[in-house]
Amino acid sequence: MKLLDGAIAAVDHGGSLGRASALFPHAPRPFVDLSTGINPHSYPLFELPATALSRLPESERLRELAEIAARTYGAPSAAHVAAAPGTQILLPRVASLVRPGKALVLGPTYAEHARAAAIAGHAAAEVDDFDALADADLAVLVNPNNPDGRVVERDRLLDLAARLRAKGGLLVVDEAFMDVGPTEQSLAGHVGQGGIVVLRSFGKFFGLAGVRLGFALADRLTVERLDAQLGPWAVAGPALEYGIRALADTKWLCDMRRRLAGDAKRLDALLGRFGIPVAGGTILFRYLSLPAVQSLFSALGERGVLVRHFAERPQVLRIGLPGSEEEWQRLEGALAAWASRRDDAPKETAP
């Protein structure tokens, strides 16, 4: 068990171009940012109605968004959906649904969950054993996991939820990457049982992180409690419009999953050409584990290609998908330059 004494301190994340500029001041611009795990092929932009900006958001549009989100994510009904300006703002509120006690987070994973639990007054710790979560008052896991793509089966999660519910505890499952995961393992359809909160992120799969839209799926009373805390007009008008249209666009969803799967296969092949094994991930990002990871991170960064490194896990990297052919070529060139400097690396082979 890893105690997280400094959990309230802000956490370093990927996606900061300012930090990248400080680390690699002489790198060519613009950076190719593969550090976030956000879909590089964003949902098509469209002209917003003027009222999305000039008027306060209408409650009817919020209800419409909840209905579409429930249908798309598989929640029992719109009454089981709380919409918010991003899942980040939900984390401490969800952690506050149970009185302060022991919060256990299945790691390694997204560090903000432990920080949110600490903000809510819990004694937060990270564990690497799924069974240890049964000892928690608040148990948190990410499914599929960030950064390694680990998936925990639905039946195991339901059993854990029942054990926690029996003692007044709560299971929080962050399904931010379930849009590109095995959806049969989602707990969205089971939140009505109580004692379960499922978090879903809009921005990652739809490539619109700046819209700031996320959802908590839970039993009716929990949703009412979260809605009361968030207050009226929590979701901005533009976010409502994008959420309603994109979540209802089933053709785009299906086509994009196929496209991302093809991109992930291409990335695996490119990495393999330079002797870099893929240890896990999802079709939005790949998880790399190798001894030379620091030299790889630096070599890519010096050439303006950003990937996600983890100070507490110096042997691993996470790399997202390039969004254009130019970005693919820049990544390939940076990998070739790195491999040419390694005595132990296999030289590039023909694809």
Protein backbone atom coordinates (compact mmCIF):
# COMPACT_ATOMS: atom_id res chain seq x y z
CA MET A 1 0.00 0.00 0.00
CA LYS A 2 1.36 3.39 -1.02
CA LEU A 3 0.23 6.17 1.31
CA LEU A 4 -0.37 9.48 -0.44
CA ASP A 5 0.49 12.07 2.19
CA GLY A 6 0.88 14.87 -0.36
CA ALA A 7 -2.23 13.97 -2.26
CA ILE A 8 -3.75 17.47 -2.07
CA ALA A 9 -0.83 18.97 -3.99
CA ALA A 10 -1.42 19.59 -7.68
CA VAL A 11 -0.33 16.78 -9.98
CA ASP A 12 1.73 16.97 -13.16
CA HIS A 13 -0.17 15.82 -16.26
CA GLY A 14 0.46 15.55 -19.95
CA GLY A 15 -0.63 18.13 -22.48
CA SER A 16 1.21 21.21 -21.19
CA LEU A 17 2.95 22.93 -24.10
CA GLY A 18 4.41 25.48 -21.69
CA ARG A 19 6.13 22.73 -19.72
CA ALA A 20 7.28 21.13 -22.95
CA SER A 21 8.85 24.39 -24.10
CA ALA A 22 10.77 24.63 -20.83
CA LEU A 23 12.00 21.05 -21.10
CA PHE A 24 12.89 21.23 -24.78
CA PRO A 25 13.57 24.91 -25.60
CA HIS A 26 15.33 24.14 -28.88
CA ALA A 27 12.82 21.62 -30.23
CA PRO A 28 11.18 22.39 -33.59
CA ARG A 29 7.70 23.92 -33.44
CA PRO A 30 4.88 23.20 -33.40
CA PHE A 31 5.12 20.29 -31.00
CA VAL A 32 3.49 17.02 -31.93
CA ASP A 33 1.63 16.41 -28.69
CA LEU A 34 1.16 12.68 -28.12
CA SER A 35 1.11 13.04 -24.33
CA THR A 36 -2.61 13.30 -23.59
CA GLY A 37 -4.45 10.22 -24.86
CA ILE A 38 -7.07 12.49 -26.45
CA ASN A 39 -8.50 11.55 -29.84
CA PRO A 40 -6.59 13.58 -32.47
CA HIS A 41 -9.55 13.30 -34.87
CA SER A 42 -12.04 15.52 -33.11
CA TYR A 43 -15.77 15.57 -33.69
CA PRO A 44 -16.50 18.03 -36.54
CA LEU A 45 -16.98 21.60 -35.41
CA PHE A 46 -20.26 23.26 -36.33
CA GLU A 47 -21.85 26.67 -36.05
CA LEU A 48 -23.47 27.15 -32.68
CA PRO A 49 -26.81 28.87 -32.28
CA ALA A 50 -26.28 32.40 -31.01
CA THR A 51 -28.39 31.62 -27.94
CA ALA A 52 -25.75 29.09 -26.79
CA LEU A 53 -23.60 32.11 -25.94
CA SER A 54 -26.07 34.92 -25.37
CA ARG A 55 -28.49 33.18 -22.99
CA LEU A 56 -28.21 31.07 -19.88
CA PRO A 57 -28.47 27.36 -20.70
CA GLU A 58 -32.04 26.10 -20.80
CA SER A 59 -32.99 23.29 -18.42
CA GLU A 60 -34.76 21.50 -21.29
CA ARG A 61 -31.47 21.20 -23.17
CA LEU A 62 -29.80 19.78 -20.08
CA ARG A 63 -32.53 17.15 -19.80
CA GLU A 64 -32.10 16.33 -23.48
CA LEU A 65 -28.35 15.92 -22.94
CA ALA A 66 -28.97 13.59 -19.98
CA GLU A 67 -31.36 11.47 -22.04
CA ILE A 68 -28.89 11.10 -24.90
CA ALA A 69 -26.00 10.39 -22.52
CA ALA A 70 -28.03 7.70 -20.75
CA ARG A 71 -28.83 6.03 -24.07
CA THR A 72 -25.26 6.25 -25.39
CA TYR A 73 -23.53 5.12 -22.20
CA GLY A 74 -26.13 2.53 -21.20
CA ALA A 75 -27.40 4.10 -17.96
CA PRO A 76 -30.92 3.08 -16.85
CA SER A 77 -32.43 6.51 -17.56
CA ALA A 78 -31.72 10.23 -17.68
CA ALA A 79 -32.49 10.39 -13.96
CA HIS A 80 -29.29 8.38 -13.43
CA VAL A 81 -27.09 10.98 -15.19
CA ALA A 82 -25.49 14.07 -13.66
CA ALA A 83 -23.82 16.33 -16.22
CA ALA A 84 -20.93 18.57 -15.23
CA PRO A 85 -18.27 20.85 -16.74
CA GLY A 86 -15.80 17.96 -17.00
CA THR A 87 -15.30 14.93 -14.77
CA GLN A 88 -12.45 16.71 -12.99
CA ILE A 89 -14.89 18.93 -11.10
CA LEU A 90 -16.90 15.85 -10.10
CA LEU A 91 -14.03 13.99 -8.43
CA PRO A 92 -14.03 15.67 -4.96
CA ARG A 93 -17.83 15.84 -4.96
CA VAL A 94 -18.13 12.14 -5.65
CA ALA A 95 -15.49 11.39 -3.01
CA SER A 96 -17.60 13.39 -0.54
CA LEU A 97 -20.62 11.09 -1.03
CA VAL A 98 -19.29 8.93 1.83
CA ARG A 99 -18.07 10.29 5.14
CA PRO A 100 -14.29 10.63 5.49
CA GLY A 101 -12.59 7.29 5.99
CA LYS A 102 -10.21 5.08 4.05
CA ALA A 103 -9.95 5.73 0.31
CA LEU A 104 -8.10 3.14 -1.76
CA VAL A 105 -7.22 3.70 -5.41
CA LEU A 106 -6.16 0.82 -7.62
CA GLY A 107 -2.86 1.88 -9.13
CA PRO A 108 -0.86 2.78 -10.97
CA THR A 109 -3.41 5.18 -12.42
CA TYR A 110 -4.63 8.74 -12.85
CA ALA A 111 -3.33 10.62 -9.81
CA GLU A 112 -6.24 13.06 -9.49
CA HIS A 113 -8.49 10.44 -7.87
CA ALA A 114 -6.27 10.20 -4.79
CA ARG A 115 -5.95 13.97 -4.64
CA ALA A 116 -9.73 14.40 -4.81
CA ALA A 117 -10.23 11.81 -2.05
CA ALA A 118 -7.78 13.71 0.16
CA ILE A 119 -9.59 16.98 -0.54
CA ALA A 120 -12.80 15.27 0.61
CA GLY A 121 -11.12 14.35 3.91
CA HIS A 122 -10.24 10.71 3.26
CA ALA A 123 -6.98 9.01 4.16
CA ALA A 124 -5.96 8.14 0.62
CA ALA A 125 -3.68 5.31 -0.44
CA GLU A 126 -2.81 3.59 -3.68
CA VAL A 127 -2.84 -0.21 -3.82
CA ASP A 128 -1.82 -2.62 -6.56
CA ASP A 129 -4.07 -5.50 -5.45
CA PHE A 130 -7.71 -5.42 -6.57
CA ASP A 131 -8.87 -7.51 -3.59
CA ALA A 132 -7.47 -4.89 -1.20
CA LEU A 133 -10.17 -2.45 -2.34
CA ALA A 134 -12.75 -4.34 -0.26
CA ASP A 135 -11.19 -2.81 2.87
CA ALA A 136 -12.00 0.72 1.70
CA ASP A 137 -14.84 3.05 2.50
CA LEU A 138 -14.24 4.64 -0.89
CA ALA A 139 -12.76 2.40 -3.59
CA VAL A 140 -11.67 3.89 -6.91
CA LEU A 141 -10.42 2.33 -10.12
CA VAL A 142 -10.08 3.37 -13.74
CA ASN A 143 -11.47 0.90 -16.28
CA PRO A 144 -9.85 0.62 -18.81
CA ASN A 145 -6.94 1.90 -16.80
CA ASN A 146 -4.80 4.89 -17.59
CA PRO A 147 -1.93 4.45 -18.45
CA ASP A 148 -1.59 0.67 -18.93
CA GLY A 149 -5.04 -0.24 -20.29
CA ARG A 150 -5.79 -2.82 -17.59
CA VAL A 151 -9.42 -4.00 -17.61
CA VAL A 152 -11.23 -5.44 -14.60
CA GLU A 153 -14.18 -7.69 -15.44
CA ARG A 154 -17.69 -6.47 -14.66
CA ASP A 155 -18.58 -9.44 -12.44
CA ARG A 156 -15.61 -8.74 -10.15
CA LEU A 157 -16.63 -5.10 -9.94
CA LEU A 158 -20.23 -5.93 -9.10
CA ASP A 159 -19.09 -8.28 -6.35
CA LEU A 160 -16.85 -5.55 -4.93
CA ALA A 161 -19.69 -3.02 -5.15
CA ALA A 162 -22.00 -5.33 -3.19
CA ARG A 163 -19.41 -5.77 -0.44
CA LEU A 164 -18.85 -2.03 -0.16
CA ARG A 165 -22.57 -1.24 -0.30
CA ALA A 166 -23.24 -3.61 2.60
CA LYS A 167 -21.11 -1.45 4.88
CA GLY A 168 -22.14 1.94 3.48
CA GLY A 169 -19.15 2.29 1.20
CA LEU A 170 -18.89 3.46 -2.41
CA LEU A 171 -17.27 2.12 -5.57
CA VAL A 172 -16.20 4.72 -8.12
CA VAL A 173 -15.31 3.44 -11.59
CA ASP A 174 -13.77 5.97 -13.94
CA GLU A 175 -14.70 4.82 -17.45
CA ALA A 176 -13.06 7.76 -19.24
CA PHE A 177 -11.69 5.40 -21.90
CA MET A 178 -14.58 2.91 -22.06
CA ASP A 179 -15.64 4.49 -25.38
CA VAL A 180 -12.65 2.63 -26.83
CA GLY A 181 -12.74 -0.27 -24.39
CA PRO A 182 -14.71 -3.49 -23.97
CA THR A 183 -18.13 -1.93 -23.35
CA GLU A 184 -19.53 -5.22 -22.05
CA GLN A 185 -17.42 -4.60 -18.92
CA SER A 186 -19.06 -1.23 -18.19
CA LEU A 187 -21.00 -0.76 -14.96
CA ALA A 188 -23.19 1.97 -16.46
CA GLY A 189 -26.25 -0.27 -16.60
CA HIS A 190 -25.90 -1.26 -12.94
CA VAL A 191 -25.70 2.12 -11.21
CA GLY A 192 -29.35 1.92 -10.12
CA GLN A 193 -28.35 -0.66 -7.51
CA GLY A 194 -26.70 2.08 -5.46
CA GLY A 195 -23.20 2.25 -4.07
CA ILE A 196 -21.74 2.72 -7.56
CA VAL A 197 -20.71 5.87 -9.40
CA VAL A 198 -19.48 5.60 -12.98
CA LEU A 199 -17.64 8.55 -14.47
CA ARG A 200 -17.67 9.18 -18.22
CA SER A 201 -15.58 11.78 -20.01
CA PHE A 202 -16.82 13.44 -23.20
CA GLY A 203 -13.66 15.23 -24.31
CA LYS A 204 -11.24 12.33 -24.69
CA PHE A 205 -13.05 10.17 -27.24
CA PHE A 206 -14.64 13.07 -29.09
CA GLY A 207 -11.36 14.99 -29.15
CA LEU A 208 -12.97 18.08 -27.63
CA ALA A 209 -11.29 18.34 -24.24
CA GLY A 210 -11.72 22.12 -24.22
CA VAL A 211 -15.51 21.78 -24.25
CA ARG A 212 -15.27 20.60 -20.60
CA LEU A 213 -18.09 18.09 -20.32
CA GLY A 214 -18.37 14.96 -18.21
CA PHE A 215 -20.93 12.78 -16.49
CA ALA A 216 -21.51 10.89 -13.28
CA LEU A 217 -23.83 7.90 -13.63
CA ALA A 218 -25.38 6.80 -10.35
CA ASP A 219 -28.63 5.97 -8.55
CA ARG A 220 -31.34 8.64 -8.58
CA LEU A 221 -30.72 10.03 -5.10
CA THR A 222 -27.00 10.35 -5.72
CA VAL A 223 -27.62 12.17 -9.01
CA GLU A 224 -30.01 14.54 -7.25
CA ARG A 225 -27.36 15.22 -4.61
CA LEU A 226 -24.67 15.91 -7.22
CA ASP A 227 -26.99 18.12 -9.26
CA ALA A 228 -27.78 20.15 -6.14
CA GLN A 229 -24.08 20.67 -5.46
CA LEU A 230 -23.35 21.68 -9.03
CA GLY A 231 -26.27 24.11 -9.09
CA PRO A 232 -28.09 25.58 -12.11
CA TRP A 233 -26.30 26.24 -15.39
CA ALA A 234 -23.35 24.00 -14.50
CA VAL A 235 -22.93 22.96 -18.14
CA ALA A 236 -22.25 25.83 -20.53
CA GLY A 237 -24.43 26.39 -23.59
CA PRO A 238 -21.75 25.43 -26.15
CA ALA A 239 -20.98 22.24 -24.22
CA LEU A 240 -24.67 21.33 -24.22
CA GLU A 241 -24.88 21.75 -27.98
CA TYR A 242 -21.77 19.70 -28.69
CA GLY A 243 -22.75 17.00 -26.23
CA ILE A 244 -26.26 16.60 -27.61
CA ARG A 245 -25.15 16.38 -31.22
CA ALA A 246 -22.01 14.27 -30.80
CA LEU A 247 -23.37 11.70 -28.35
CA ALA A 248 -26.35 11.08 -30.64
CA ASP A 249 -24.16 10.60 -33.72
CA THR A 250 -23.97 6.81 -33.66
CA LYS A 251 -22.48 6.57 -37.15
CA TRP A 252 -19.58 8.82 -36.20
CA LEU A 253 -19.01 6.78 -33.04
CA CYS A 254 -18.81 3.50 -34.93
CA ASP A 255 -16.68 4.91 -37.74
CA MET A 256 -14.28 6.54 -35.28
CA ARG A 257 -13.74 3.37 -33.28
CA ARG A 258 -12.73 1.60 -36.50
CA ARG A 259 -10.43 4.45 -37.49
CA LEU A 260 -8.72 4.54 -34.10
CA ALA A 261 -8.23 0.78 -34.13
CA GLY A 262 -6.45 1.14 -37.47
CA ASP A 263 -4.29 3.97 -36.14
CA ALA A 264 -3.34 1.94 -33.07
CA LYS A 265 -2.32 -0.98 -35.28
CA ARG A 266 -0.20 1.36 -37.39
CA LEU A 267 1.46 2.79 -34.27
CA ASP A 268 2.25 -0.70 -32.97
CA ALA A 269 3.90 -1.57 -36.27
CA LEU A 270 5.93 1.65 -36.31
CA LEU A 271 7.17 1.13 -32.76
CA GLY A 272 7.99 -2.48 -33.55
CA ARG A 273 10.24 -1.43 -36.43
CA PHE A 274 12.50 0.26 -33.91
CA GLY A 275 12.44 -2.53 -31.35
CA ILE A 276 9.99 -0.86 -28.96
CA PRO A 277 7.54 -3.34 -27.40
CA VAL A 278 3.98 -2.32 -26.59
CA ALA A 279 3.10 -3.45 -23.07
CA GLY A 280 -0.54 -2.35 -22.99
CA GLY A 281 -2.89 0.58 -23.50
CA THR A 282 -6.10 1.28 -25.41
CA ILE A 283 -6.66 2.22 -29.04
CA LEU A 284 -6.25 5.88 -28.00
CA PHE A 285 -2.83 5.38 -26.42
CA ARG A 286 -0.11 2.76 -26.07
CA TYR A 287 1.81 1.90 -22.92
CA LEU A 288 5.54 1.31 -23.29
CA SER A 289 7.89 -0.30 -20.78
CA LEU A 290 11.60 -0.57 -21.57
CA PRO A 291 14.95 0.18 -19.88
CA ALA A 292 15.87 2.95 -22.34
CA VAL A 293 12.68 4.90 -21.76
CA GLN A 294 14.37 8.09 -20.54
CA SER A 295 16.57 8.33 -23.62
CA LEU A 296 13.51 7.72 -25.79
CA PHE A 297 11.52 10.45 -24.02
CA SER A 298 14.38 12.93 -24.40
CA ALA A 299 15.15 12.04 -28.01
CA LEU A 300 11.52 12.48 -29.03
CA GLY A 301 11.15 15.71 -27.08
CA GLU A 302 14.27 17.23 -28.61
CA ARG A 303 12.62 16.70 -31.99
CA GLY A 304 9.34 18.25 -30.92
CA VAL A 305 7.42 15.02 -30.24
CA LEU A 306 5.88 14.91 -26.76
CA VAL A 307 4.97 11.68 -25.00
CA ARG A 308 3.84 11.14 -21.41
CA HIS A 309 6.47 10.19 -18.88
CA PHE A 310 5.90 9.43 -15.19
CA ALA A 311 8.39 10.64 -12.60
CA GLU A 312 7.30 7.95 -10.14
CA ARG A 313 7.59 5.19 -12.79
CA PRO A 314 10.77 5.97 -14.74
CA GLN A 315 10.63 2.79 -16.85
CA VAL A 316 7.37 3.53 -18.67
CA LEU A 317 5.89 5.93 -21.21
CA ARG A 318 2.45 6.51 -22.68
CA ILE A 319 2.17 7.58 -26.29
CA GLY A 320 -0.94 8.78 -28.08
CA LEU A 321 -1.88 8.72 -31.75
CA PRO A 322 -0.60 11.18 -34.36
CA GLY A 323 -3.40 13.13 -35.97
CA SER A 324 -2.02 13.82 -39.45
CA GLU A 325 0.36 12.30 -41.96
CA GLU A 326 2.87 15.04 -41.18
CA GLU A 327 2.77 14.07 -37.51
CA TRP A 328 3.25 10.40 -38.39
CA GLN A 329 6.32 11.33 -40.42
CA ARG A 330 7.76 13.47 -37.63
CA LEU A 331 7.29 10.64 -35.15
CA GLU A 332 8.94 8.16 -37.51
CA GLY A 333 11.90 10.49 -38.03
CA ALA A 334 12.34 11.04 -34.30
CA LEU A 335 12.25 7.29 -33.65
CA ALA A 336 14.82 6.67 -36.38
CA ALA A 337 17.14 9.30 -34.89
CA TRP A 338 16.80 7.72 -31.44
CA ALA A 339 17.45 4.22 -32.72
CA SER A 340 20.55 5.32 -34.63
CA ARG A 341 22.13 6.46 -31.34
CA ARG A 342 21.50 3.18 -29.51
CA ASP A 343 24.08 0.43 -29.66
CA ASP A 344 21.61 -2.19 -28.45
CA ALA A 345 18.65 -1.17 -30.62
CA PRO A 346 17.77 -3.07 -33.76
CA LYS A 347 18.10 -0.91 -36.84
CA GLU A 348 15.00 0.01 -38.76
CA THR A 349 13.68 -2.78 -40.92
CA ALA A 350 11.45 -2.52 -43.92
CA PRO A 351 7.74 -2.51 -43.01
